[in-house]
């Protein structure tokens, strides 16, 4: 004999049964799509964990061409350093986001949310070095897990916070009533990095200028159009390109030069081994400042949470269908 449903559930079922079928159908569709999405993310999380566990770790000198797993220290290449935009600190990889807190009125209710107004991620190549050699790492398109994460809030002045120069300059030119949140993640030089990606050997063209020569030439071209240069890099809008902004301009020029070289398969060193993303969605490209065991645990926990969402939303979709359309 079926046990009676709780009163609140019975009342909800009655309201759904008498509701407009079009709205209920839309709710079923949303729940079904959410369940499918959670199911995919659960599978993909388990797939990444199994991939990390199944592939052996190679050494830089003896690593075979193809899909490989490597570990080593992140090192900066020669030339201008990679500078994290918000903190101004040197790093081998960064990701940042600037958000503004906005308040809106909707049907008599006040809603507050963080709206992203600027974001960026490093795509500059760096070295991965172990005790046998080193390879170049192109982080573009990677699933990156950094250790270092800094957050600054513009309304934390009472805490005596010394803001980095860029944030101080930003707040000086954005004096509106809304607070701002600055988030920056970094992988620092010499930090140990775990990588999983596609390793290939790329040779350079003969008599090709160095990266630094091409960066200087590109900056010279940019200087010829001062209006465009200031529009792109004068972040504090004072009419001048200061030292911090010029560092960002040089980093952007270096990024464009390296991107062009990757597209033409030209590098500055003969026979360089380059680790980059794969063209196969079943082979994830992973960079992490955490060891393998941490990543495996993280992906399995995430997969379990998405698996729970898959079951819960699936049950909701079936229950809504049976309640509204069941015989």
C-alpha atoms as a PDB file:
ATOM      1  CA  UNK A   1       0.000   0.000   0.000  1.00  0.00           C
ATOM      2  CA  UNK A   2       1.407   3.422  -0.998  1.00  0.00           C
ATOM      3  CA  UNK A   3       2.164   5.773   1.851  1.00  0.00           C
ATOM      4  CA  UNK A   4       0.445   9.160   1.644  1.00  0.00           C
ATOM      5  CA  UNK A   5       2.588  12.051   0.406  1.00  0.00           C
ATOM      6  CA  UNK A   6       3.428  14.916   2.783  1.00  0.00           C
ATOM      7  CA  UNK A   7       0.818  17.667   2.812  1.00  0.00           C
ATOM      8  CA  UNK A   8       3.130  20.237   1.202  1.00  0.00           C
ATOM      9  CA  UNK A   9       4.044  17.838  -1.593  1.00  0.00           C
ATOM     10  CA  UNK A  10       0.412  16.963  -2.209  1.00  0.00           C
ATOM     11  CA  UNK A  11      -0.440  20.665  -2.338  1.00  0.00           C
ATOM     12  CA  UNK A  12       2.376  21.350  -4.768  1.00  0.00           C
ATOM     13  CA  UNK A  13       1.282  18.451  -6.967  1.00  0.00           C
ATOM     14  CA  UNK A  14      -2.260  19.871  -7.026  1.00  0.00           C
ATOM     15  CA  UNK A  15      -1.009  23.326  -8.071  1.00  0.00           C
ATOM     16  CA  UNK A  16       1.141  21.839 -10.837  1.00  0.00           C
ATOM     17  CA  UNK A  17      -1.689  19.652 -12.107  1.00  0.00           C
ATOM     18  CA  UNK A  18      -3.930  22.707 -12.439  1.00  0.00           C
ATOM     19  CA  UNK A  19      -1.252  25.005 -13.889  1.00  0.00           C
ATOM     20  CA  UNK A  20      -0.864  25.964 -17.536  1.00  0.00           C
ATOM     21  CA  UNK A  21       0.684  22.905 -19.274  1.00  0.00           C
ATOM     22  CA  UNK A  22       2.875  25.223 -21.356  1.00  0.00           C
ATOM     23  CA  UNK A  23       4.642  26.573 -18.263  1.00  0.00           C
ATOM     24  CA  UNK A  24       4.960  23.110 -16.739  1.00  0.00           C
ATOM     25  CA  UNK A  25       6.372  21.807 -20.020  1.00  0.00           C
ATOM     26  CA  UNK A  26       8.968  24.595 -19.975  1.00  0.00           C
ATOM     27  CA  UNK A  27       9.905  23.598 -16.422  1.00  0.00           C
ATOM     28  CA  UNK A  28      10.257  19.974 -17.498  1.00  0.00           C
ATOM     29  CA  UNK A  29      12.500  21.032 -20.371  1.00  0.00           C
ATOM     30  CA  UNK A  30      14.726  23.116 -18.093  1.00  0.00           C
ATOM     31  CA  UNK A  31      15.041  20.283 -15.565  1.00  0.00           C
ATOM     32  CA  UNK A  32      15.780  17.751 -18.317  1.00  0.00           C
ATOM     33  CA  UNK A  33      18.442  19.960 -19.898  1.00  0.00           C
ATOM     34  CA  UNK A  34      19.986  20.620 -16.488  1.00  0.00           C
ATOM     35  CA  UNK A  35      20.055  16.898 -15.789  1.00  0.00           C
ATOM     36  CA  UNK A  36      21.735  16.195 -19.141  1.00  0.00           C
ATOM     37  CA  UNK A  37      24.328  18.906 -18.507  1.00  0.00           C
ATOM     38  CA  UNK A  38      25.106  17.574 -15.031  1.00  0.00           C
ATOM     39  CA  UNK A  39      25.361  14.061 -16.442  1.00  0.00           C
ATOM     40  CA  UNK A  40      27.915  15.196 -19.015  1.00  0.00           C
ATOM     41  CA  UNK A  41      29.968  17.093 -16.435  1.00  0.00           C
ATOM     42  CA  UNK A  42      29.941  14.080 -14.118  1.00  0.00           C
ATOM     43  CA  UNK A  43      31.183  11.827 -16.917  1.00  0.00           C
ATOM     44  CA  UNK A  44      33.832  14.332 -18.011  1.00  0.00           C
ATOM     45  CA  UNK A  45      35.129  14.763 -14.445  1.00  0.00           C
ATOM     46  CA  UNK A  46      35.523  10.996 -14.049  1.00  0.00           C
ATOM     47  CA  UNK A  47      37.124  10.808 -17.494  1.00  0.00           C
ATOM     48  CA  UNK A  48      39.762  13.405 -16.541  1.00  0.00           C
ATOM     49  CA  UNK A  49      40.495  11.610 -13.263  1.00  0.00           C
ATOM     50  CA  UNK A  50      40.930   8.261 -15.034  1.00  0.00           C
ATOM     51  CA  UNK A  51      43.111   9.847 -17.731  1.00  0.00           C
ATOM     52  CA  UNK A  52      45.486  11.303 -15.123  1.00  0.00           C
ATOM     53  CA  UNK A  53      45.683   7.950 -13.332  1.00  0.00           C
ATOM     54  CA  UNK A  54      46.270   5.909 -16.501  1.00  0.00           C
ATOM     55  CA  UNK A  55      49.032   7.944 -18.210  1.00  0.00           C
ATOM     56  CA  UNK A  56      52.579   7.527 -16.793  1.00  0.00           C
ATOM     57  CA  UNK A  57      54.720  10.579 -16.061  1.00  0.00           C
ATOM     58  CA  UNK A  58      57.479  11.226 -18.625  1.00  0.00           C
ATOM     59  CA  UNK A  59      60.784  13.074 -18.301  1.00  0.00           C
ATOM     60  CA  UNK A  60      61.452  16.178 -20.389  1.00  0.00           C
ATOM     61  CA  UNK A  61      64.463  14.737 -22.267  1.00  0.00           C
ATOM     62  CA  UNK A  62      62.911  11.369 -23.091  1.00  0.00           C
ATOM     63  CA  UNK A  63      59.241  12.349 -23.463  1.00  0.00           C
ATOM     64  CA  UNK A  64      57.716  10.858 -26.633  1.00  0.00           C
ATOM     65  CA  UNK A  65      55.857  12.979 -29.154  1.00  0.00           C
ATOM     66  CA  UNK A  66      52.117  12.833 -28.588  1.00  0.00           C
ATOM     67  CA  UNK A  67      49.832  12.943 -25.556  1.00  0.00           C
ATOM     68  CA  UNK A  68      52.080  13.007 -22.477  1.00  0.00           C
ATOM     69  CA  UNK A  69      52.152  13.766 -18.782  1.00  0.00           C
ATOM     70  CA  UNK A  70      55.001  15.875 -17.372  1.00  0.00           C
ATOM     71  CA  UNK A  71      56.010  17.488 -14.082  1.00  0.00           C
ATOM     72  CA  UNK A  72      58.569  20.191 -13.428  1.00  0.00           C
ATOM     73  CA  UNK A  73      59.231  23.763 -12.353  1.00  0.00           C
ATOM     74  CA  UNK A  74      57.735  26.675 -14.264  1.00  0.00           C
ATOM     75  CA  UNK A  75      60.444  28.997 -15.594  1.00  0.00           C
ATOM     76  CA  UNK A  76      60.298  32.332 -17.393  1.00  0.00           C
ATOM     77  CA  UNK A  77      61.803  32.557 -20.856  1.00  0.00           C
ATOM     78  CA  UNK A  78      64.388  35.159 -21.842  1.00  0.00           C
ATOM     79  CA  UNK A  79      63.026  38.579 -22.619  1.00  0.00           C
ATOM     80  CA  UNK A  80      60.361  40.683 -20.912  1.00  0.00           C
ATOM     81  CA  UNK A  81      58.851  38.902 -17.899  1.00  0.00           C
ATOM     82  CA  UNK A  82      55.223  37.845 -17.681  1.00  0.00           C
ATOM     83  CA  UNK A  83      53.584  40.354 -15.323  1.00  0.00           C
ATOM     84  CA  UNK A  84      50.232  39.751 -13.613  1.00  0.00           C
ATOM     85  CA  UNK A  85      48.162  42.860 -14.471  1.00  0.00           C
ATOM     86  CA  UNK A  86      46.521  43.577 -11.096  1.00  0.00           C
ATOM     87  CA  UNK A  87      49.298  42.804  -8.615  1.00  0.00           C
ATOM     88  CA  UNK A  88      52.212  43.665 -10.901  1.00  0.00           C
ATOM     89  CA  UNK A  89      53.999  40.486  -9.790  1.00  0.00           C
ATOM     90  CA  UNK A  90      56.098  38.302 -12.133  1.00  0.00           C
ATOM     91  CA  UNK A  91      54.583  34.902 -12.900  1.00  0.00           C
ATOM     92  CA  UNK A  92      54.483  32.213 -15.581  1.00  0.00           C
ATOM     93  CA  UNK A  93      50.681  32.336 -15.890  1.00  0.00           C
ATOM     94  CA  UNK A  94      47.867  34.597 -14.682  1.00  0.00           C
ATOM     95  CA  UNK A  95      44.123  35.054 -14.903  1.00  0.00           C
ATOM     96  CA  UNK A  96      42.267  38.134 -13.663  1.00  0.00           C
ATOM     97  CA  UNK A  97      38.752  39.522 -13.424  1.00  0.00           C
ATOM     98  CA  UNK A  98      37.402  42.958 -12.472  1.00  0.00           C
ATOM     99  CA  UNK A  99      33.766  43.103 -11.339  1.00  0.00           C
ATOM    100  CA  UNK A 100      31.398  45.896 -10.397  1.00  0.00           C
ATOM    101  CA  UNK A 101      28.568  45.363  -7.928  1.00  0.00           C
ATOM    102  CA  UNK A 102      25.326  46.491  -9.539  1.00  0.00           C
ATOM    103  CA  UNK A 103      21.858  46.715  -8.031  1.00  0.00           C
ATOM    104  CA  UNK A 104      18.688  46.341 -10.096  1.00  0.00           C
ATOM    105  CA  UNK A 105      14.965  46.451  -9.365  1.00  0.00           C
ATOM    106  CA  UNK A 106      12.805  43.595 -10.668  1.00  0.00           C
ATOM    107  CA  UNK A 107       9.107  43.370  -9.853  1.00  0.00           C
ATOM    108  CA  UNK A 108       9.551  45.266  -6.636  1.00  0.00           C
ATOM    109  CA  UNK A 109      12.539  43.236  -5.491  1.00  0.00           C
ATOM    110  CA  UNK A 110      16.109  44.526  -5.230  1.00  0.00           C
ATOM    111  CA  UNK A 111      18.752  42.277  -6.755  1.00  0.00           C
ATOM    112  CA  UNK A 112      22.491  42.722  -6.237  1.00  0.00           C
ATOM    113  CA  UNK A 113      25.053  40.945  -8.383  1.00  0.00           C
ATOM    114  CA  UNK A 114      28.672  41.180  -9.506  1.00  0.00           C
ATOM    115  CA  UNK A 115      29.008  42.165 -13.166  1.00  0.00           C
ATOM    116  CA  UNK A 116      32.299  41.476 -14.943  1.00  0.00           C
ATOM    117  CA  UNK A 117      33.661  44.605 -16.662  1.00  0.00           C
ATOM    118  CA  UNK A 118      37.126  43.308 -17.574  1.00  0.00           C
ATOM    119  CA  UNK A 119      38.913  39.978 -17.643  1.00  0.00           C
ATOM    120  CA  UNK A 120      41.970  38.374 -19.137  1.00  0.00           C
ATOM    121  CA  UNK A 121      44.136  35.275 -19.124  1.00  0.00           C
ATOM    122  CA  UNK A 122      47.796  34.724 -19.914  1.00  0.00           C
ATOM    123  CA  UNK A 123      48.654  32.947 -23.166  1.00  0.00           C
ATOM    124  CA  UNK A 124      52.419  33.529 -23.090  1.00  0.00           C
ATOM    125  CA  UNK A 125      54.752  30.555 -23.463  1.00  0.00           C
ATOM    126  CA  UNK A 126      56.985  29.519 -20.543  1.00  0.00           C
ATOM    127  CA  UNK A 127      59.437  26.719 -19.751  1.00  0.00           C
ATOM    128  CA  UNK A 128      58.656  23.539 -17.826  1.00  0.00           C
ATOM    129  CA  UNK A 129      61.956  22.241 -16.471  1.00  0.00           C
ATOM    130  CA  UNK A 130      62.931  19.033 -14.677  1.00  0.00           C
ATOM    131  CA  UNK A 131      66.354  17.541 -13.896  1.00  0.00           C
ATOM    132  CA  UNK A 132      66.669  16.113 -17.438  1.00  0.00           C
ATOM    133  CA  UNK A 133      65.799  19.146 -19.568  1.00  0.00           C
ATOM    134  CA  UNK A 134      62.995  21.531 -20.389  1.00  0.00           C
ATOM    135  CA  UNK A 135      60.102  21.999 -22.799  1.00  0.00           C
ATOM    136  CA  UNK A 136      58.044  25.022 -23.821  1.00  0.00           C
ATOM    137  CA  UNK A 137      54.455  25.197 -22.571  1.00  0.00           C
ATOM    138  CA  UNK A 138      51.735  27.094 -24.430  1.00  0.00           C
ATOM    139  CA  UNK A 139      48.940  27.590 -21.831  1.00  0.00           C
ATOM    140  CA  UNK A 140      46.294  28.722 -24.309  1.00  0.00           C
ATOM    141  CA  UNK A 141      43.185  26.544 -24.030  1.00  0.00           C
ATOM    142  CA  UNK A 142      44.350  24.686 -20.916  1.00  0.00           C
ATOM    143  CA  UNK A 143      42.279  23.792 -17.847  1.00  0.00           C
ATOM    144  CA  UNK A 144      44.511  25.619 -15.335  1.00  0.00           C
ATOM    145  CA  UNK A 145      44.455  25.080 -11.556  1.00  0.00           C
ATOM    146  CA  UNK A 146      46.657  27.707  -9.840  1.00  0.00           C
ATOM    147  CA  UNK A 147      47.564  27.873  -6.158  1.00  0.00           C
ATOM    148  CA  UNK A 148      47.709  31.619  -5.694  1.00  0.00           C
ATOM    149  CA  UNK A 149      44.516  33.667  -5.682  1.00  0.00           C
ATOM    150  CA  UNK A 150      44.201  37.260  -4.457  1.00  0.00           C
ATOM    151  CA  UNK A 151      40.968  39.203  -4.058  1.00  0.00           C
ATOM    152  CA  UNK A 152      40.699  42.933  -3.367  1.00  0.00           C
ATOM    153  CA  UNK A 153      37.467  44.794  -2.545  1.00  0.00           C
ATOM    154  CA  UNK A 154      37.251  48.536  -3.097  1.00  0.00           C
ATOM    155  CA  UNK A 155      35.271  49.024   0.115  1.00  0.00           C
ATOM    156  CA  UNK A 156      37.880  47.386   2.351  1.00  0.00           C
ATOM    157  CA  UNK A 157      39.643  50.690   3.067  1.00  0.00           C
ATOM    158  CA  UNK A 158      39.016  50.373   6.782  1.00  0.00           C
ATOM    159  CA  UNK A 159      41.259  47.323   6.868  1.00  0.00           C
ATOM    160  CA  UNK A 160      44.321  49.379   5.991  1.00  0.00           C
ATOM    161  CA  UNK A 161      44.897  47.494   2.737  1.00  0.00           C
ATOM    162  CA  UNK A 162      47.738  48.680   0.526  1.00  0.00           C
ATOM    163  CA  UNK A 163      46.379  48.239  -2.974  1.00  0.00           C
ATOM    164  CA  UNK A 164      48.741  47.401  -5.866  1.00  0.00           C
ATOM    165  CA  UNK A 165      49.538  50.334  -8.159  1.00  0.00           C
ATOM    166  CA  UNK A 166      47.173  49.241 -10.943  1.00  0.00           C
ATOM    167  CA  UNK A 167      44.178  48.914  -8.600  1.00  0.00           C
ATOM    168  CA  UNK A 168      44.943  52.260  -6.944  1.00  0.00           C
ATOM    169  CA  UNK A 169      45.059  53.868 -10.387  1.00  0.00           C
ATOM    170  CA  UNK A 170      41.825  52.136 -11.423  1.00  0.00           C
ATOM    171  CA  UNK A 171      39.952  53.295  -8.309  1.00  0.00           C
ATOM    172  CA  UNK A 172      41.223  56.850  -8.803  1.00  0.00           C
ATOM    173  CA  UNK A 173      39.458  57.000 -12.175  1.00  0.00           C
ATOM    174  CA  UNK A 174      36.349  55.003 -11.181  1.00  0.00           C
ATOM    175  CA  UNK A 175      34.815  57.008  -8.355  1.00  0.00           C
ATOM    176  CA  UNK A 176      31.200  55.898  -8.680  1.00  0.00           C
ATOM    177  CA  UNK A 177      29.115  54.642  -5.736  1.00  0.00           C
ATOM    178  CA  UNK A 178      29.362  50.958  -6.677  1.00  0.00           C
ATOM    179  CA  UNK A 179      32.061  48.759  -5.100  1.00  0.00           C
ATOM    180  CA  UNK A 180      34.515  46.815  -7.228  1.00  0.00           C
ATOM    181  CA  UNK A 181      36.020  43.367  -6.777  1.00  0.00           C
ATOM    182  CA  UNK A 182      39.422  42.440  -8.229  1.00  0.00           C
ATOM    183  CA  UNK A 183      40.381  38.774  -8.546  1.00  0.00           C
ATOM    184  CA  UNK A 184      43.759  37.524  -9.724  1.00  0.00           C
ATOM    185  CA  UNK A 185      45.113  33.968  -9.943  1.00  0.00           C
ATOM    186  CA  UNK A 186      48.765  33.144 -10.613  1.00  0.00           C
ATOM    187  CA  UNK A 187      51.313  30.387 -11.083  1.00  0.00           C
ATOM    188  CA  UNK A 188      54.594  31.783  -9.807  1.00  0.00           C
ATOM    189  CA  UNK A 189      58.061  31.235 -11.302  1.00  0.00           C
ATOM    190  CA  UNK A 190      59.839  28.092 -10.011  1.00  0.00           C
ATOM    191  CA  UNK A 191      56.543  26.655  -8.773  1.00  0.00           C
ATOM    192  CA  UNK A 192      56.107  22.942  -9.458  1.00  0.00           C
ATOM    193  CA  UNK A 193      53.593  22.271 -12.222  1.00  0.00           C
ATOM    194  CA  UNK A 194      51.766  19.158 -13.392  1.00  0.00           C
ATOM    195  CA  UNK A 195      50.928  19.085 -17.119  1.00  0.00           C
ATOM    196  CA  UNK A 196      48.971  16.807 -19.428  1.00  0.00           C
ATOM    197  CA  UNK A 197      48.839  17.729 -23.101  1.00  0.00           C
ATOM    198  CA  UNK A 198      50.086  17.229 -26.655  1.00  0.00           C
ATOM    199  CA  UNK A 199      53.870  17.344 -27.097  1.00  0.00           C
ATOM    200  CA  UNK A 200      55.274  18.087 -30.537  1.00  0.00           C
ATOM    201  CA  UNK A 201      58.603  19.130 -31.956  1.00  0.00           C
ATOM    202  CA  UNK A 202      58.540  22.397 -33.872  1.00  0.00           C
ATOM    203  CA  UNK A 203      61.544  23.625 -35.861  1.00  0.00           C
ATOM    204  CA  UNK A 204      62.252  27.242 -36.679  1.00  0.00           C
ATOM    205  CA  UNK A 205      62.785  28.801 -40.065  1.00  0.00           C
ATOM    206  CA  UNK A 206      66.358  29.756 -40.845  1.00  0.00           C
ATOM    207  CA  UNK A 207      67.436  33.389 -40.622  1.00  0.00           C
ATOM    208  CA  UNK A 208      64.272  34.294 -38.723  1.00  0.00           C
ATOM    209  CA  UNK A 209      64.525  37.312 -36.369  1.00  0.00           C
ATOM    210  CA  UNK A 210      64.341  36.677 -32.647  1.00  0.00           C
ATOM    211  CA  UNK A 211      61.164  37.134 -30.639  1.00  0.00           C
ATOM    212  CA  UNK A 212      62.594  40.258 -28.970  1.00  0.00           C
ATOM    213  CA  UNK A 213      63.368  41.799 -32.381  1.00  0.00           C
ATOM    214  CA  UNK A 214      59.811  41.166 -33.555  1.00  0.00           C
ATOM    215  CA  UNK A 215      58.368  42.551 -30.298  1.00  0.00           C
ATOM    216  CA  UNK A 216      60.399  45.761 -30.675  1.00  0.00           C
ATOM    217  CA  UNK A 217      59.271  46.114 -34.279  1.00  0.00           C
ATOM    218  CA  UNK A 218      55.623  45.596 -33.381  1.00  0.00           C
ATOM    219  CA  UNK A 219      55.860  48.177 -30.576  1.00  0.00           C
ATOM    220  CA  UNK A 220      57.450  50.628 -33.035  1.00  0.00           C
ATOM    221  CA  UNK A 221      54.462  50.152 -35.353  1.00  0.00           C
ATOM    222  CA  UNK A 222      52.030  50.660 -32.478  1.00  0.00           C
ATOM    223  CA  UNK A 223      53.794  53.888 -31.426  1.00  0.00           C
ATOM    224  CA  UNK A 224      53.086  55.385 -34.835  1.00  0.00           C
ATOM    225  CA  UNK A 225      49.376  55.451 -33.970  1.00  0.00           C
ATOM    226  CA  UNK A 226      49.390  57.163 -30.578  1.00  0.00           C
ATOM    227  CA  UNK A 227      45.593  57.455 -30.411  1.00  0.00           C
ATOM    228  CA  UNK A 228      45.080  53.716 -30.834  1.00  0.00           C
ATOM    229  CA  UNK A 229      47.939  52.983 -28.428  1.00  0.00           C
ATOM    230  CA  UNK A 230      46.432  55.143 -25.676  1.00  0.00           C
ATOM    231  CA  UNK A 231      42.928  53.794 -26.283  1.00  0.00           C
ATOM    232  CA  UNK A 232      44.207  50.248 -25.799  1.00  0.00           C
ATOM    233  CA  UNK A 233      46.749  50.639 -22.996  1.00  0.00           C
ATOM    234  CA  UNK A 234      46.082  53.946 -21.172  1.00  0.00           C
ATOM    235  CA  UNK A 235      44.093  52.163 -18.475  1.00  0.00           C
ATOM    236  CA  UNK A 236      43.960  55.070 -16.016  1.00  0.00           C
ATOM    237  CA  UNK A 237      43.031  57.476 -18.841  1.00  0.00           C
ATOM    238  CA  UNK A 238      45.554  60.162 -17.865  1.00  0.00           C
ATOM    239  CA  UNK A 239      46.695  60.692 -21.468  1.00  0.00           C
ATOM    240  CA  UNK A 240      50.060  58.998 -20.977  1.00  0.00           C
ATOM    241  CA  UNK A 241      51.415  55.458 -21.104  1.00  0.00           C
ATOM    242  CA  UNK A 242      53.127  54.986 -17.729  1.00  0.00           C
ATOM    243  CA  UNK A 243      55.626  52.263 -16.802  1.00  0.00           C
ATOM    244  CA  UNK A 244      53.001  49.744 -15.648  1.00  0.00           C
ATOM    245  CA  UNK A 245      50.913  50.274 -18.783  1.00  0.00           C
ATOM    246  CA  UNK A 246      53.990  49.995 -21.007  1.00  0.00           C
ATOM    247  CA  UNK A 247      54.811  46.635 -19.376  1.00  0.00           C
ATOM    248  CA  UNK A 248      51.319  45.458 -20.326  1.00  0.00           C
ATOM    249  CA  UNK A 249      51.815  46.796 -23.877  1.00  0.00           C
ATOM    250  CA  UNK A 250      55.087  44.884 -24.223  1.00  0.00           C
ATOM    251  CA  UNK A 251      53.430  41.751 -22.853  1.00  0.00           C
ATOM    252  CA  UNK A 252      50.584  42.121 -25.374  1.00  0.00           C
ATOM    253  CA  UNK A 253      53.091  42.613 -28.219  1.00  0.00           C
ATOM    254  CA  UNK A 254      55.035  39.541 -27.153  1.00  0.00           C
ATOM    255  CA  UNK A 255      51.782  37.537 -26.982  1.00  0.00           C
ATOM    256  CA  UNK A 256      50.841  38.549 -30.530  1.00  0.00           C
ATOM    257  CA  UNK A 257      54.311  37.713 -31.850  1.00  0.00           C
ATOM    258  CA  UNK A 258      54.264  34.283 -30.234  1.00  0.00           C
ATOM    259  CA  UNK A 259      50.734  33.626 -31.470  1.00  0.00           C
ATOM    260  CA  UNK A 260      51.777  34.462 -35.033  1.00  0.00           C
ATOM    261  CA  UNK A 261      54.799  32.167 -34.725  1.00  0.00           C
ATOM    262  CA  UNK A 262      52.645  29.314 -33.448  1.00  0.00           C
ATOM    263  CA  UNK A 263      50.216  29.754 -36.330  1.00  0.00           C
ATOM    264  CA  UNK A 264      53.046  29.520 -38.858  1.00  0.00           C
ATOM    265  CA  UNK A 265      54.797  26.771 -36.864  1.00  0.00           C
ATOM    266  CA  UNK A 266      57.898  28.924 -36.504  1.00  0.00           C
ATOM    267  CA  UNK A 267      59.817  29.077 -33.221  1.00  0.00           C
ATOM    268  CA  UNK A 268      62.949  30.841 -32.127  1.00  0.00           C
ATOM    269  CA  UNK A 269      64.908  27.665 -31.335  1.00  0.00           C
ATOM    270  CA  UNK A 270      65.530  24.712 -33.661  1.00  0.00           C
ATOM    271  CA  UNK A 271      63.853  21.497 -32.557  1.00  0.00           C
ATOM    272  CA  UNK A 272      61.961  22.986 -29.619  1.00  0.00           C
ATOM    273  CA  UNK A 273      59.530  20.644 -27.852  1.00  0.00           C
ATOM    274  CA  UNK A 274      56.227  22.446 -27.337  1.00  0.00           C
ATOM    275  CA  UNK A 275      53.375  21.262 -25.096  1.00  0.00           C
ATOM    276  CA  UNK A 276      49.977  22.577 -26.163  1.00  0.00           C
ATOM    277  CA  UNK A 277      46.297  21.738 -26.304  1.00  0.00           C
ATOM    278  CA  UNK A 278      44.973  18.805 -28.271  1.00  0.00           C
ATOM    279  CA  UNK A 279      42.387  18.776 -31.043  1.00  0.00           C
ATOM    280  CA  UNK A 280      40.660  15.795 -29.397  1.00  0.00           C
ATOM    281  CA  UNK A 281      37.976  16.677 -26.834  1.00  0.00           C
ATOM    282  CA  UNK A 282      38.507  13.276 -25.206  1.00  0.00           C
ATOM    283  CA  UNK A 283      42.067  14.304 -24.330  1.00  0.00           C
ATOM    284  CA  UNK A 284      41.952  17.204 -21.844  1.00  0.00           C
ATOM    285  CA  UNK A 285      44.755  19.754 -21.685  1.00  0.00           C
ATOM    286  CA  UNK A 286      45.602  20.280 -18.009  1.00  0.00           C
ATOM    287  CA  UNK A 287      48.030  22.593 -16.205  1.00  0.00           C
ATOM    288  CA  UNK A 288      48.056  22.504 -12.417  1.00  0.00           C
ATOM    289  CA  UNK A 289      50.139  23.852  -9.556  1.00  0.00           C
ATOM    290  CA  UNK A 290      48.756  20.963  -7.477  1.00  0.00           C
ATOM    291  CA  UNK A 291      50.004  17.356  -7.642  1.00  0.00           C
ATOM    292  CA  UNK A 292      48.223  14.521  -9.437  1.00  0.00           C
ATOM    293  CA  UNK A 293      46.572  13.079  -6.339  1.00  0.00           C
ATOM    294  CA  UNK A 294      44.936  16.427  -5.537  1.00  0.00           C
ATOM    295  CA  UNK A 295      43.602  16.782  -9.077  1.00  0.00           C
ATOM    296  CA  UNK A 296      42.206  13.253  -9.157  1.00  0.00           C
ATOM    297  CA  UNK A 297      40.388  13.815  -5.859  1.00  0.00           C
ATOM    298  CA  UNK A 298      39.083  17.180  -7.031  1.00  0.00           C
ATOM    299  CA  UNK A 299      37.718  15.798 -10.314  1.00  0.00           C
ATOM    300  CA  UNK A 300      36.083  12.842  -8.541  1.00  0.00           C
ATOM    301  CA  UNK A 301      34.388  15.068  -5.958  1.00  0.00           C
ATOM    302  CA  UNK A 302      33.173  17.400  -8.703  1.00  0.00           C
ATOM    303  CA  UNK A 303      31.891  14.413 -10.681  1.00  0.00           C
ATOM    304  CA  UNK A 304      30.012  13.141  -7.606  1.00  0.00           C
ATOM    305  CA  UNK A 305      28.324  16.529  -7.097  1.00  0.00           C
ATOM    306  CA  UNK A 306      27.309  16.737 -10.751  1.00  0.00           C
ATOM    307  CA  UNK A 307      26.113  13.136 -10.536  1.00  0.00           C
ATOM    308  CA  UNK A 308      23.852  14.093  -7.642  1.00  0.00           C
ATOM    309  CA  UNK A 309      22.534  17.016  -9.702  1.00  0.00           C
ATOM    310  CA  UNK A 310      21.911  14.655 -12.624  1.00  0.00           C
ATOM    311  CA  UNK A 311      19.767  12.353 -10.455  1.00  0.00           C
ATOM    312  CA  UNK A 312      17.929  15.147  -8.639  1.00  0.00           C
ATOM    313  CA  UNK A 313      17.005  17.115 -11.761  1.00  0.00           C
ATOM    314  CA  UNK A 314      16.070  13.917 -13.571  1.00  0.00           C
ATOM    315  CA  UNK A 315      13.703  12.963 -10.744  1.00  0.00           C
ATOM    316  CA  UNK A 316      12.193  16.461 -10.800  1.00  0.00           C
ATOM    317  CA  UNK A 317      11.615  16.284 -14.562  1.00  0.00           C
ATOM    318  CA  UNK A 318       9.922  12.869 -14.336  1.00  0.00           C
ATOM    319  CA  UNK A 319       7.807  13.954 -11.353  1.00  0.00           C
ATOM    320  CA  UNK A 320       6.639  17.114 -13.112  1.00  0.00           C
ATOM    321  CA  UNK A 321       5.712  15.139 -16.235  1.00  0.00           C
ATOM    322  CA  UNK A 322       3.773  12.507 -14.300  1.00  0.00           C
ATOM    323  CA  UNK A 323       2.037  15.125 -12.146  1.00  0.00           C
ATOM    324  CA  UNK A 324       0.879  17.280 -15.062  1.00  0.00           C
ATOM    325  CA  UNK A 325       0.494  14.814 -17.930  1.00  0.00           C
ATOM    326  CA  UNK A 326       0.380  11.381 -16.309  1.00  0.00           C
ATOM    327  CA  UNK A 327      -2.741   9.291 -16.598  1.00  0.00           C
END
